[in-house]
Amino acid sequence: MHIVFLNLADENPHGLAATTREALSKKYPLDQKPRNILETVATYLFGANQIEVVNLFGILQAANRRQAIDAADIPAKCVKADKVMLGVHGTYGDTCHVRKGDAHDTPTLATYVELATLTKEMLNDPSHQYRLALVMCYGARSADFRADHSDLTALSEAQIRSSFAFKFYSQVCTHCVLRMTAVTGSLSFSRDKGESQVQTEAAVLKDIEYAELQREERTAQLFAEHQQLVEEQGAKAISAIEDRLLGYNVRTGMLTPKPGAVAANDAERRVLAYYETVNRSWELKNAASGKKGKIGKLIYYYRRDLDKVIVMARYPEPEVIYSGRRSAE
C-alpha cells in the first residue's frame, strides 16, 4: 500500500500527520519482511508499503503555487499512490472552512473553494482514478450539526449538500475521476491496528453540548463569581457552605450538590450554581469520550454522464443516500 498524506492539519512535527502515519504503519507495516506467502506475492506485485507525508502549508501560501507544487513533485506522487489522504482540521459548526486547529476559536486556514482549487492543482490527471480520504473531523456533518446523524439514510438532500465534504467534492469531482470518503464525527486512527475510528453519534452530540456550555457567557460568569466569592469570604467560609450543600460523588470523584439542596442566601446560590455547572461539564465531557468504531462514513462518487454526485453511507451496509446535482445551494 502506497499512501500519500497531504498535510494541512499541523505544522507541529508531532501533530496529526505524524500520529496518523504512526498509526497507519500498524496496518501497513513499513520496512518489514513479508510474513507469509500472501504478503510475499503482494509485495512482489505492488511493492513495499509506503506512507509519505507532504506538508502543504508553504505551498498554500506560495506566490507561485503551481511552481511550488511541481517542484515538490506532488502530482506524480498522487498518481502513484494507492490512496491520497488530505489532512485538515474541521469543526462541527463550520461547513465552509478548514482551520489551523481543532477548536472553534482557532483561525481559519482556507475555504472549501480555496482547498478545492489547491487539490485540483495536485490531482491534475483528468483520466487517473484517484482515491481520496478527507481526514477531517466533522467533514461530512451537515450544517444542521445538532441533528442526529446516526441514521445517515434519514438525512435530507439539503442536509447532505450542506456539509463541507459535499461542497468540497462538488468543486473537485469534475476535474478528475475521484472517489472520496469523509466522516460525520471526530476522526482518529487506532494505535494498535491503524484502523480509522469515528466518534459515536451519542458522543458527538454530548461533545457539541459540552463545547457550547464552555463557550456560554453564563459559564464564564459563574466561574468568575465563584473565584470572587472565595477571595471575598475566604476558603474556610466556602468550605462550610460546601459541607452543607454538597456531597462527595464516588463515581466522579467530585463534589456534587446534595439531592434537594436549597441555597439560603446569595453566596450559597453561587456555590450551588458553580458546582452544578462543573458537574454538568464533567458528565458531558466524559460522555463525549465514548467509544469509536466503523460508523459515520460517507463515500462520494461522480457520474459524469449524468452530471450527478452519488453519496453512499458505508455502514452498517453500503447504501446510496443521495443521487443528484452537484450544487450545494
C-alpha atoms as a PDB file:
ATOM      1  CA  MET A   1       0.000   0.000   0.000  1.00  0.00           C
ATOM      2  CA  HIS A   2       1.367   3.377  -1.044  1.00  0.00           C
ATOM      3  CA  ILE A   3      -0.249   6.274   0.868  1.00  0.00           C
ATOM      4  CA  VAL A   4       0.427   9.974   0.347  1.00  0.00           C
ATOM      5  CA  PHE A   5      -0.707  12.128   3.286  1.00  0.00           C
ATOM      6  CA  LEU A   6      -1.185  15.755   2.221  1.00  0.00           C
ATOM      7  CA  ASN A   7      -0.769  17.686   5.453  1.00  0.00           C
ATOM      8  CA  LEU A   8      -2.671  20.889   6.125  1.00  0.00           C
ATOM      9  CA  ALA A   9      -3.500  19.877   9.687  1.00  0.00           C
ATOM     10  CA  ASP A  10      -0.404  20.569  11.752  1.00  0.00           C
ATOM     11  CA  GLU A  11       2.953  22.236  11.285  1.00  0.00           C
ATOM     12  CA  ASN A  12       3.823  20.621  14.620  1.00  0.00           C
ATOM     13  CA  PRO A  13       6.136  17.648  13.897  1.00  0.00           C
ATOM     14  CA  HIS A  14       4.196  15.618  16.484  1.00  0.00           C
ATOM     15  CA  GLY A  15       0.742  16.638  15.220  1.00  0.00           C
ATOM     16  CA  LEU A  16      -1.982  14.873  13.254  1.00  0.00           C
ATOM     17  CA  ALA A  17       0.213  13.936  10.291  1.00  0.00           C
ATOM     18  CA  ALA A  18       2.822  12.252  12.481  1.00  0.00           C
ATOM     19  CA  THR A  19       0.324  10.409  14.679  1.00  0.00           C
ATOM     20  CA  THR A  20      -1.665   9.278  11.639  1.00  0.00           C
ATOM     21  CA  ARG A  21       1.471   7.971   9.928  1.00  0.00           C
ATOM     22  CA  GLU A  22       2.476   6.127  13.095  1.00  0.00           C
ATOM     23  CA  ALA A  23      -0.988   4.554  13.436  1.00  0.00           C
ATOM     24  CA  LEU A  24      -1.220   3.591   9.747  1.00  0.00           C
ATOM     25  CA  SER A  25       2.165   1.891   9.959  1.00  0.00           C
ATOM     26  CA  LYS A  26       0.499  -0.674  12.254  1.00  0.00           C
ATOM     27  CA  LYS A  27      -1.957  -1.540   9.482  1.00  0.00           C
ATOM     28  CA  TYR A  28       0.621  -1.257   6.715  1.00  0.00           C
ATOM     29  CA  PRO A  29       3.954  -2.212   8.312  1.00  0.00           C
ATOM     30  CA  LEU A  30       6.943  -0.331   6.950  1.00  0.00           C
ATOM     31  CA  ASP A  31      10.373  -1.858   6.338  1.00  0.00           C
ATOM     32  CA  GLN A  32       9.093  -5.297   7.334  1.00  0.00           C
ATOM     33  CA  LYS A  33       9.810  -8.526   5.502  1.00  0.00           C
ATOM     34  CA  PRO A  34       6.744 -10.448   4.239  1.00  0.00           C
ATOM     35  CA  ARG A  35       5.409 -12.760   6.946  1.00  0.00           C
ATOM     36  CA  ASN A  36       3.694 -15.256   4.651  1.00  0.00           C
ATOM     37  CA  ILE A  37       3.225 -16.222   1.010  1.00  0.00           C
ATOM     38  CA  LEU A  38       0.325 -13.784   0.511  1.00  0.00           C
ATOM     39  CA  GLU A  39       2.387 -10.855   1.741  1.00  0.00           C
ATOM     40  CA  THR A  40       5.293 -12.031  -0.409  1.00  0.00           C
ATOM     41  CA  VAL A  41       3.100 -12.037  -3.522  1.00  0.00           C
ATOM     42  CA  ALA A  42       1.558  -8.664  -2.621  1.00  0.00           C
ATOM     43  CA  THR A  43       4.996  -7.123  -2.128  1.00  0.00           C
ATOM     44  CA  TYR A  44       6.160  -8.524  -5.466  1.00  0.00           C
ATOM     45  CA  LEU A  45       3.093  -7.239  -7.324  1.00  0.00           C
ATOM     46  CA  PHE A  46       2.521  -3.906  -5.605  1.00  0.00           C
ATOM     47  CA  GLY A  47       5.789  -3.098  -3.841  1.00  0.00           C
ATOM     48  CA  ALA A  48       6.543  -2.491  -0.187  1.00  0.00           C
ATOM     49  CA  ASN A  49       4.271  -0.342   1.970  1.00  0.00           C
ATOM     50  CA  GLN A  50       4.962   3.392   1.863  1.00  0.00           C
ATOM     51  CA  ILE A  51       3.422   6.236   3.855  1.00  0.00           C
ATOM     52  CA  GLU A  52       4.691   9.586   2.644  1.00  0.00           C
ATOM     53  CA  VAL A  53       3.800  12.879   4.334  1.00  0.00           C
ATOM     54  CA  VAL A  54       3.795  16.007   2.171  1.00  0.00           C
ATOM     55  CA  ASN A  55       3.475  19.315   4.038  1.00  0.00           C
ATOM     56  CA  LEU A  56       1.345  21.886   2.195  1.00  0.00           C
ATOM     57  CA  PHE A  57       1.498  24.941   4.458  1.00  0.00           C
ATOM     58  CA  GLY A  58       4.260  26.646   2.498  1.00  0.00           C
ATOM     59  CA  ILE A  59       2.654  25.676  -0.797  1.00  0.00           C
ATOM     60  CA  LEU A  60      -0.752  27.069   0.219  1.00  0.00           C
ATOM     61  CA  GLN A  61       0.833  30.478   0.820  1.00  0.00           C
ATOM     62  CA  ALA A  62       3.336  30.364  -2.061  1.00  0.00           C
ATOM     63  CA  ALA A  63       3.334  33.271  -4.514  1.00  0.00           C
ATOM     64  CA  ASN A  64       3.698  30.823  -7.407  1.00  0.00           C
ATOM     65  CA  ARG A  65       1.793  27.822  -6.142  1.00  0.00           C
ATOM     66  CA  ARG A  66       1.862  25.901  -9.406  1.00  0.00           C
ATOM     67  CA  GLN A  67       5.632  26.075  -9.444  1.00  0.00           C
ATOM     68  CA  ALA A  68       5.852  25.027  -5.779  1.00  0.00           C
ATOM     69  CA  ILE A  69       3.572  22.021  -6.371  1.00  0.00           C
ATOM     70  CA  ASP A  70       5.594  20.883  -9.375  1.00  0.00           C
ATOM     71  CA  ALA A  71       8.873  21.394  -7.515  1.00  0.00           C
ATOM     72  CA  ALA A  72       7.644  19.087  -4.731  1.00  0.00           C
ATOM     73  CA  ASP A  73       6.574  16.545  -7.400  1.00  0.00           C
ATOM     74  CA  ILE A  74       3.160  16.272  -5.731  1.00  0.00           C
ATOM     75  CA  PRO A  75       1.066  15.411  -8.822  1.00  0.00           C
ATOM     76  CA  ALA A  76       3.365  12.485  -9.672  1.00  0.00           C
ATOM     77  CA  LYS A  77       3.288  11.245  -6.072  1.00  0.00           C
ATOM     78  CA  CYS A  78      -0.520  11.347  -6.002  1.00  0.00           C
ATOM     79  CA  VAL A  79      -0.801   9.414  -9.269  1.00  0.00           C
ATOM     80  CA  LYS A  80       1.493   6.685  -7.959  1.00  0.00           C
ATOM     81  CA  ALA A  81      -0.341   6.422  -4.626  1.00  0.00           C
ATOM     82  CA  ASP A  82      -2.978   3.788  -3.915  1.00  0.00           C
ATOM     83  CA  LYS A  83      -4.649   6.287  -1.614  1.00  0.00           C
ATOM     84  CA  VAL A  84      -4.293  10.015  -1.041  1.00  0.00           C
ATOM     85  CA  MET A  85      -5.180  11.405   2.378  1.00  0.00           C
ATOM     86  CA  LEU A  86      -5.884  15.098   2.823  1.00  0.00           C
ATOM     87  CA  GLY A  87      -5.406  16.010   6.490  1.00  0.00           C
ATOM     88  CA  VAL A  88      -7.190  19.161   7.665  1.00  0.00           C
ATOM     89  CA  HIS A  89      -8.919  20.369  10.828  1.00  0.00           C
ATOM     90  CA  GLY A  90     -12.673  20.920  10.882  1.00  0.00           C
ATOM     91  CA  THR A  91     -15.264  21.846  13.486  1.00  0.00           C
ATOM     92  CA  TYR A  92     -18.906  20.819  13.727  1.00  0.00           C
ATOM     93  CA  GLY A  93     -20.357  24.313  13.387  1.00  0.00           C
ATOM     94  CA  ASP A  94     -18.484  25.458  10.271  1.00  0.00           C
ATOM     95  CA  THR A  95     -19.147  23.784   6.926  1.00  0.00           C
ATOM     96  CA  CYS A  96     -17.258  26.359   4.861  1.00  0.00           C
ATOM     97  CA  HIS A  97     -13.726  26.442   6.289  1.00  0.00           C
ATOM     98  CA  VAL A  98     -10.822  24.322   7.462  1.00  0.00           C
ATOM     99  CA  ARG A  99      -8.891  25.674  10.429  1.00  0.00           C
ATOM    100  CA  LYS A 100      -5.416  25.899  11.876  1.00  0.00           C
ATOM    101  CA  GLY A 101      -6.526  23.790  14.841  1.00  0.00           C
ATOM    102  CA  ASP A 102      -9.429  21.646  16.011  1.00  0.00           C
ATOM    103  CA  ALA A 103     -11.120  24.318  18.151  1.00  0.00           C
ATOM    104  CA  HIS A 104     -13.754  26.879  17.163  1.00  0.00           C
ATOM    105  CA  ASP A 105     -11.620  29.822  18.212  1.00  0.00           C
ATOM    106  CA  THR A 106      -8.635  28.890  16.014  1.00  0.00           C
ATOM    107  CA  PRO A 107      -8.133  30.959  12.834  1.00  0.00           C
ATOM    108  CA  THR A 108      -9.497  29.697   9.543  1.00  0.00           C
ATOM    109  CA  LEU A 109      -6.974  28.356   7.044  1.00  0.00           C
ATOM    110  CA  ALA A 110      -8.950  28.052   3.812  1.00  0.00           C
ATOM    111  CA  THR A 111     -12.483  27.917   2.432  1.00  0.00           C
ATOM    112  CA  TYR A 112     -13.764  24.801   0.695  1.00  0.00           C
ATOM    113  CA  VAL A 113     -13.329  26.616  -2.632  1.00  0.00           C
ATOM    114  CA  GLU A 114      -9.701  27.502  -1.852  1.00  0.00           C
ATOM    115  CA  LEU A 115      -8.955  23.963  -0.679  1.00  0.00           C
ATOM    116  CA  ALA A 116     -10.617  22.536  -3.795  1.00  0.00           C
ATOM    117  CA  THR A 117      -8.540  24.794  -6.033  1.00  0.00           C
ATOM    118  CA  LEU A 118      -5.352  23.586  -4.345  1.00  0.00           C
ATOM    119  CA  THR A 119      -6.487  19.956  -4.573  1.00  0.00           C
ATOM    120  CA  LYS A 120      -7.233  20.231  -8.302  1.00  0.00           C
ATOM    121  CA  GLU A 121      -3.704  21.501  -8.859  1.00  0.00           C
ATOM    122  CA  MET A 122      -2.338  18.380  -7.122  1.00  0.00           C
ATOM    123  CA  LEU A 123      -4.754  15.792  -8.568  1.00  0.00           C
ATOM    124  CA  ASN A 124      -4.269  17.082 -12.086  1.00  0.00           C
ATOM    125  CA  ASP A 125      -4.505  13.961 -14.251  1.00  0.00           C
ATOM    126  CA  PRO A 126      -8.073  14.014 -15.637  1.00  0.00           C
ATOM    127  CA  SER A 127      -8.043  10.336 -16.599  1.00  0.00           C
ATOM    128  CA  HIS A 128      -6.492   8.911 -13.408  1.00  0.00           C
ATOM    129  CA  GLN A 129      -8.783   7.294 -10.851  1.00  0.00           C
ATOM    130  CA  TYR A 130      -7.893   8.857  -7.503  1.00  0.00           C
ATOM    131  CA  ARG A 131      -8.933   7.545  -4.089  1.00  0.00           C
ATOM    132  CA  LEU A 132      -9.049  10.437  -1.645  1.00  0.00           C
ATOM    133  CA  ALA A 133      -9.739  10.269   2.093  1.00  0.00           C
ATOM    134  CA  LEU A 134     -10.725  13.606   3.611  1.00  0.00           C
ATOM    135  CA  VAL A 135      -9.126  13.206   7.046  1.00  0.00           C
ATOM    136  CA  MET A 136     -11.211  15.875   8.731  1.00  0.00           C
ATOM    137  CA  CYS A 137     -13.315  15.779  11.871  1.00  0.00           C
ATOM    138  CA  TYR A 138     -16.989  16.503  11.071  1.00  0.00           C
ATOM    139  CA  GLY A 139     -16.207  16.861   7.347  1.00  0.00           C
ATOM    140  CA  ALA A 140     -19.419  15.082   6.270  1.00  0.00           C
ATOM    141  CA  ARG A 141     -21.572  16.569   9.038  1.00  0.00           C
ATOM    142  CA  SER A 142     -24.365  18.801   7.832  1.00  0.00           C
ATOM    143  CA  ALA A 143     -24.833  22.464   8.672  1.00  0.00           C
ATOM    144  CA  ASP A 144     -27.701  21.206  10.853  1.00  0.00           C
ATOM    145  CA  PHE A 145     -24.997  19.895  13.158  1.00  0.00           C
ATOM    146  CA  ARG A 146     -27.230  19.386  16.209  1.00  0.00           C
ATOM    147  CA  ALA A 147     -29.390  16.928  14.257  1.00  0.00           C
ATOM    148  CA  ASP A 148     -28.906  13.234  14.962  1.00  0.00           C
ATOM    149  CA  HIS A 149     -26.680  11.783  12.206  1.00  0.00           C
ATOM    150  CA  SER A 150     -26.721   8.202  13.496  1.00  0.00           C
ATOM    151  CA  ASP A 151     -29.081   7.110  10.694  1.00  0.00           C
ATOM    152  CA  LEU A 152     -27.443   8.588   7.607  1.00  0.00           C
ATOM    153  CA  THR A 153     -30.295   7.357   5.410  1.00  0.00           C
ATOM    154  CA  ALA A 154     -32.619   9.750   7.258  1.00  0.00           C
ATOM    155  CA  LEU A 155     -30.667  12.857   6.258  1.00  0.00           C
ATOM    156  CA  SER A 156     -32.416  15.139   3.794  1.00  0.00           C
ATOM    157  CA  GLU A 157     -30.847  16.101   0.468  1.00  0.00           C
ATOM    158  CA  ALA A 158     -30.392  19.648   1.760  1.00  0.00           C
ATOM    159  CA  GLN A 159     -28.553  18.366   4.845  1.00  0.00           C
ATOM    160  CA  ILE A 160     -26.235  16.167   2.754  1.00  0.00           C
ATOM    161  CA  ARG A 161     -25.425  19.018   0.365  1.00  0.00           C
ATOM    162  CA  SER A 162     -24.722  21.436   3.228  1.00  0.00           C
ATOM    163  CA  SER A 163     -21.646  19.583   4.563  1.00  0.00           C
ATOM    164  CA  PHE A 164     -18.089  20.746   3.937  1.00  0.00           C
ATOM    165  CA  ALA A 165     -17.276  17.424   2.268  1.00  0.00           C
ATOM    166  CA  PHE A 166     -20.089  17.725  -0.281  1.00  0.00           C
ATOM    167  CA  LYS A 167     -19.229  21.331  -1.124  1.00  0.00           C
ATOM    168  CA  PHE A 168     -15.540  20.494  -1.472  1.00  0.00           C
ATOM    169  CA  TYR A 169     -16.144  17.335  -3.510  1.00  0.00           C
ATOM    170  CA  SER A 170     -18.531  19.140  -5.869  1.00  0.00           C
ATOM    171  CA  GLN A 171     -15.748  21.580  -6.707  1.00  0.00           C
ATOM    172  CA  VAL A 172     -13.180  18.863  -7.450  1.00  0.00           C
ATOM    173  CA  CYS A 173     -15.073  15.909  -8.934  1.00  0.00           C
ATOM    174  CA  THR A 174     -15.452  17.283 -12.474  1.00  0.00           C
ATOM    175  CA  HIS A 175     -11.702  17.813 -12.698  1.00  0.00           C
ATOM    176  CA  CYS A 176     -10.646  14.149 -12.383  1.00  0.00           C
ATOM    177  CA  VAL A 177     -12.024  10.671 -11.639  1.00  0.00           C
ATOM    178  CA  LEU A 178     -12.402  10.835  -7.880  1.00  0.00           C
ATOM    179  CA  ARG A 179     -13.739   8.578  -5.136  1.00  0.00           C
ATOM    180  CA  MET A 180     -13.710  10.348  -1.772  1.00  0.00           C
ATOM    181  CA  THR A 181     -14.554   9.415   1.805  1.00  0.00           C
ATOM    182  CA  ALA A 182     -15.449  11.683   4.726  1.00  0.00           C
ATOM    183  CA  VAL A 183     -16.979  11.252   8.184  1.00  0.00           C
ATOM    184  CA  THR A 184     -19.654  12.911  10.308  1.00  0.00           C
ATOM    185  CA  GLY A 185     -17.859  12.861  13.678  1.00  0.00           C
ATOM    186  CA  SER A 186     -14.463  13.168  15.285  1.00  0.00           C
ATOM    187  CA  LEU A 187     -11.929  11.050  13.381  1.00  0.00           C
ATOM    188  CA  SER A 188      -8.856   9.204  14.620  1.00  0.00           C
ATOM    189  CA  PHE A 189      -6.838   6.071  13.918  1.00  0.00           C
ATOM    190  CA  SER A 190      -6.437   3.266  16.441  1.00  0.00           C
ATOM    191  CA  ARG A 191      -2.886   2.981  17.711  1.00  0.00           C
ATOM    192  CA  ASP A 192      -2.886  -0.807  17.833  1.00  0.00           C
ATOM    193  CA  LYS A 193      -4.310  -1.601  14.383  1.00  0.00           C
ATOM    194  CA  GLY A 194      -4.163   1.687  12.475  1.00  0.00           C
ATOM    195  CA  GLU A 195      -7.842   1.500  11.573  1.00  0.00           C
ATOM    196  CA  SER A 196      -9.970   4.615  11.194  1.00  0.00           C
ATOM    197  CA  GLN A 197     -12.411   5.258  14.034  1.00  0.00           C
ATOM    198  CA  VAL A 198     -15.289   7.712  14.167  1.00  0.00           C
ATOM    199  CA  GLN A 199     -16.890   9.050  17.327  1.00  0.00           C
ATOM    200  CA  THR A 200     -20.302   7.580  18.108  1.00  0.00           C
ATOM    201  CA  GLU A 201     -23.215   9.889  17.358  1.00  0.00           C
ATOM    202  CA  ALA A 202     -24.238   9.959  21.023  1.00  0.00           C
ATOM    203  CA  ALA A 203     -20.716  11.109  21.911  1.00  0.00           C
ATOM    204  CA  VAL A 204     -20.735  13.729  19.143  1.00  0.00           C
ATOM    205  CA  LEU A 205     -23.935  15.287  20.447  1.00  0.00           C
ATOM    206  CA  LYS A 206     -22.556  15.370  24.003  1.00  0.00           C
ATOM    207  CA  ASP A 207     -19.308  16.871  22.677  1.00  0.00           C
ATOM    208  CA  ILE A 208     -21.268  19.625  20.958  1.00  0.00           C
ATOM    209  CA  GLU A 209     -23.267  20.330  24.113  1.00  0.00           C
ATOM    210  CA  TYR A 210     -20.074  20.386  26.190  1.00  0.00           C
ATOM    211  CA  ALA A 211     -18.307  22.800  23.831  1.00  0.00           C
ATOM    212  CA  GLU A 212     -21.280  25.130  23.738  1.00  0.00           C
ATOM    213  CA  LEU A 213     -21.571  25.064  27.528  1.00  0.00           C
ATOM    214  CA  GLN A 214     -17.908  26.084  27.811  1.00  0.00           C
ATOM    215  CA  ARG A 215     -18.420  28.991  25.400  1.00  0.00           C
ATOM    216  CA  GLU A 216     -21.542  30.358  27.108  1.00  0.00           C
ATOM    217  CA  GLU A 217     -21.044  33.746  28.761  1.00  0.00           C
ATOM    218  CA  ARG A 218     -23.008  32.471  31.753  1.00  0.00           C
ATOM    219  CA  THR A 219     -20.443  29.695  32.321  1.00  0.00           C
ATOM    220  CA  ALA A 220     -17.538  32.139  32.359  1.00  0.00           C
ATOM    221  CA  GLN A 221     -19.540  34.416  34.655  1.00  0.00           C
ATOM    222  CA  LEU A 222     -20.221  31.585  37.144  1.00  0.00           C
ATOM    223  CA  PHE A 223     -16.544  30.656  37.327  1.00  0.00           C
ATOM    224  CA  ALA A 224     -15.536  34.309  37.814  1.00  0.00           C
ATOM    225  CA  GLU A 225     -18.185  34.807  40.506  1.00  0.00           C
ATOM    226  CA  HIS A 226     -17.038  31.705  42.375  1.00  0.00           C
ATOM    227  CA  GLN A 227     -13.421  32.870  42.352  1.00  0.00           C
ATOM    228  CA  GLN A 228     -14.506  36.300  43.583  1.00  0.00           C
ATOM    229  CA  LEU A 229     -16.594  34.689  46.345  1.00  0.00           C
ATOM    230  CA  VAL A 230     -13.606  32.664  47.581  1.00  0.00           C
ATOM    231  CA  GLU A 231     -11.463  35.804  47.653  1.00  0.00           C
ATOM    232  CA  GLU A 232     -14.131  37.825  49.489  1.00  0.00           C
ATOM    233  CA  GLN A 233     -15.265  35.276  52.096  1.00  0.00           C
ATOM    234  CA  GLY A 234     -12.207  33.056  52.380  1.00  0.00           C
ATOM    235  CA  ALA A 235     -11.714  29.346  51.825  1.00  0.00           C
ATOM    236  CA  LYS A 236     -12.967  28.403  55.301  1.00  0.00           C
ATOM    237  CA  ALA A 237     -16.370  30.050  54.793  1.00  0.00           C
ATOM    238  CA  ILE A 238     -16.769  28.485  51.353  1.00  0.00           C
ATOM    239  CA  SER A 239     -15.801  25.097  52.753  1.00  0.00           C
ATOM    240  CA  ALA A 240     -18.589  25.404  55.337  1.00  0.00           C
ATOM    241  CA  ILE A 241     -21.103  26.104  52.570  1.00  0.00           C
ATOM    242  CA  GLU A 242     -19.809  23.125  50.616  1.00  0.00           C
ATOM    243  CA  ASP A 243     -20.154  20.859  53.648  1.00  0.00           C
ATOM    244  CA  ARG A 244     -23.807  21.822  53.993  1.00  0.00           C
ATOM    245  CA  LEU A 245     -24.868  21.728  50.352  1.00  0.00           C
ATOM    246  CA  LEU A 246     -22.532  19.245  48.666  1.00  0.00           C
ATOM    247  CA  GLY A 247     -21.605  15.598  48.914  1.00  0.00           C
ATOM    248  CA  TYR A 248     -18.774  13.506  47.518  1.00  0.00           C
ATOM    249  CA  ASN A 249     -19.614  11.583  44.352  1.00  0.00           C
ATOM    250  CA  VAL A 250     -17.622   8.337  44.390  1.00  0.00           C
ATOM    251  CA  ARG A 251     -18.215   7.724  40.665  1.00  0.00           C
ATOM    252  CA  THR A 252     -16.835  11.073  39.510  1.00  0.00           C
ATOM    253  CA  GLY A 253     -14.537  11.884  42.408  1.00  0.00           C
ATOM    254  CA  MET A 254     -16.123  15.328  42.621  1.00  0.00           C
ATOM    255  CA  LEU A 255     -18.218  17.402  44.994  1.00  0.00           C
ATOM    256  CA  THR A 256     -21.840  17.313  43.845  1.00  0.00           C
ATOM    257  CA  PRO A 257     -24.952  19.180  45.042  1.00  0.00           C
ATOM    258  CA  LYS A 258     -26.889  17.004  47.505  1.00  0.00           C
ATOM    259  CA  PRO A 259     -30.403  15.935  46.434  1.00  0.00           C
ATOM    260  CA  GLY A 260     -32.837  18.663  47.400  1.00  0.00           C
ATOM    261  CA  ALA A 261     -30.083  21.136  48.371  1.00  0.00           C
ATOM    262  CA  VAL A 262     -31.522  24.674  48.625  1.00  0.00           C
ATOM    263  CA  ALA A 263     -29.467  27.858  48.893  1.00  0.00           C
ATOM    264  CA  ALA A 264     -30.335  30.069  51.858  1.00  0.00           C
ATOM    265  CA  ASN A 265     -28.514  33.173  50.621  1.00  0.00           C
ATOM    266  CA  ASP A 266     -26.698  34.637  47.599  1.00  0.00           C
ATOM    267  CA  ALA A 267     -23.340  33.086  48.496  1.00  0.00           C
ATOM    268  CA  GLU A 268     -24.856  29.616  48.702  1.00  0.00           C
ATOM    269  CA  ARG A 269     -26.738  30.190  45.434  1.00  0.00           C
ATOM    270  CA  ARG A 270     -23.480  30.993  43.672  1.00  0.00           C
ATOM    271  CA  VAL A 271     -21.734  27.952  45.136  1.00  0.00           C
ATOM    272  CA  LEU A 272     -24.570  25.669  44.039  1.00  0.00           C
ATOM    273  CA  ALA A 273     -24.660  27.155  40.539  1.00  0.00           C
ATOM    274  CA  TYR A 274     -20.901  26.777  40.184  1.00  0.00           C
ATOM    275  CA  TYR A 275     -20.872  23.104  41.186  1.00  0.00           C
ATOM    276  CA  GLU A 276     -23.922  22.287  39.073  1.00  0.00           C
ATOM    277  CA  THR A 277     -22.067  23.654  36.036  1.00  0.00           C
ATOM    278  CA  VAL A 278     -18.816  21.883  36.931  1.00  0.00           C
ATOM    279  CA  ASN A 279     -20.624  18.566  37.288  1.00  0.00           C
ATOM    280  CA  ARG A 280     -22.593  19.065  34.088  1.00  0.00           C
ATOM    281  CA  SER A 281     -19.352  19.794  32.249  1.00  0.00           C
ATOM    282  CA  TRP A 282     -17.767  16.639  33.620  1.00  0.00           C
ATOM    283  CA  GLU A 283     -20.738  14.477  32.615  1.00  0.00           C
ATOM    284  CA  LEU A 284     -20.781  15.865  29.083  1.00  0.00           C
ATOM    285  CA  LYS A 285     -17.034  15.599  28.590  1.00  0.00           C
ATOM    286  CA  ASN A 286     -16.994  12.048  29.926  1.00  0.00           C
ATOM    287  CA  ALA A 287     -19.871  11.052  27.635  1.00  0.00           C
ATOM    288  CA  ALA A 288     -18.146  12.710  24.666  1.00  0.00           C
ATOM    289  CA  SER A 289     -15.150  10.405  25.088  1.00  0.00           C
ATOM    290  CA  GLY A 290     -17.372   7.440  24.226  1.00  0.00           C
ATOM    291  CA  LYS A 291     -16.468   4.525  22.025  1.00  0.00           C
ATOM    292  CA  LYS A 292     -15.445   4.920  18.414  1.00  0.00           C
ATOM    293  CA  GLY A 293     -15.910   2.495  15.591  1.00  0.00           C
ATOM    294  CA  LYS A 294     -16.726   1.898  11.946  1.00  0.00           C
ATOM    295  CA  ILE A 295     -19.574   4.404  11.732  1.00  0.00           C
ATOM    296  CA  GLY A 296     -20.461   7.751  10.199  1.00  0.00           C
ATOM    297  CA  LYS A 297     -18.543   7.300   6.924  1.00  0.00           C
ATOM    298  CA  LEU A 298     -19.811   8.593   3.592  1.00  0.00           C
ATOM    299  CA  ILE A 299     -18.407   7.770   0.146  1.00  0.00           C
ATOM    300  CA  TYR A 300     -18.690  10.269  -2.712  1.00  0.00           C
ATOM    301  CA  TYR A 301     -18.730   9.414  -6.434  1.00  0.00           C
ATOM    302  CA  TYR A 302     -19.428  11.450  -9.551  1.00  0.00           C
ATOM    303  CA  ARG A 303     -21.426  10.246 -12.552  1.00  0.00           C
ATOM    304  CA  ARG A 304     -20.019  12.369 -15.349  1.00  0.00           C
ATOM    305  CA  ASP A 305     -22.537  11.065 -17.895  1.00  0.00           C
ATOM    306  CA  LEU A 306     -25.416  12.261 -15.696  1.00  0.00           C
ATOM    307  CA  ASP A 307     -23.599  15.177 -14.022  1.00  0.00           C
ATOM    308  CA  LYS A 308     -24.678  13.762 -10.667  1.00  0.00           C
ATOM    309  CA  VAL A 309     -22.950  13.272  -7.337  1.00  0.00           C
ATOM    310  CA  ILE A 310     -23.644   9.916  -5.694  1.00  0.00           C
ATOM    311  CA  VAL A 311     -23.289   9.740  -1.909  1.00  0.00           C
ATOM    312  CA  MET A 312     -23.245   6.366  -0.182  1.00  0.00           C
ATOM    313  CA  ALA A 313     -23.389   5.543   3.521  1.00  0.00           C
ATOM    314  CA  ARG A 314     -20.682   2.952   4.170  1.00  0.00           C
ATOM    315  CA  TYR A 315     -22.073   1.412   7.372  1.00  0.00           C
ATOM    316  CA  PRO A 316     -23.797  -0.725   8.530  1.00  0.00           C
ATOM    317  CA  GLU A 317     -24.310  -1.813   4.913  1.00  0.00           C
ATOM    318  CA  PRO A 318     -23.426   0.257   1.837  1.00  0.00           C
ATOM    319  CA  GLU A 319     -26.471   2.255   0.755  1.00  0.00           C
ATOM    320  CA  VAL A 320     -26.951   5.182  -1.618  1.00  0.00           C
ATOM    321  CA  ILE A 321     -28.420   8.119   0.296  1.00  0.00           C
ATOM    322  CA  TYR A 322     -28.082  10.829  -2.346  1.00  0.00           C
ATOM    323  CA  SER A 323     -28.053  10.987  -6.129  1.00  0.00           C
ATOM    324  CA  GLY A 324     -28.422  14.455  -7.520  1.00  0.00           C
ATOM    325  CA  ARG A 325     -26.962  17.766  -8.529  1.00  0.00           C
ATOM    326  CA  ARG A 326     -23.514  18.924  -7.586  1.00  0.00           C
ATOM    327  CA  SER A 327     -24.532  22.364  -6.377  1.00  0.00           C
ATOM    328  CA  ALA A 328     -24.531  22.780  -2.604  1.00  0.00           C
ATOM    329  CA  GLU A 329     -27.178  25.503  -2.899  1.00  0.00           C
END
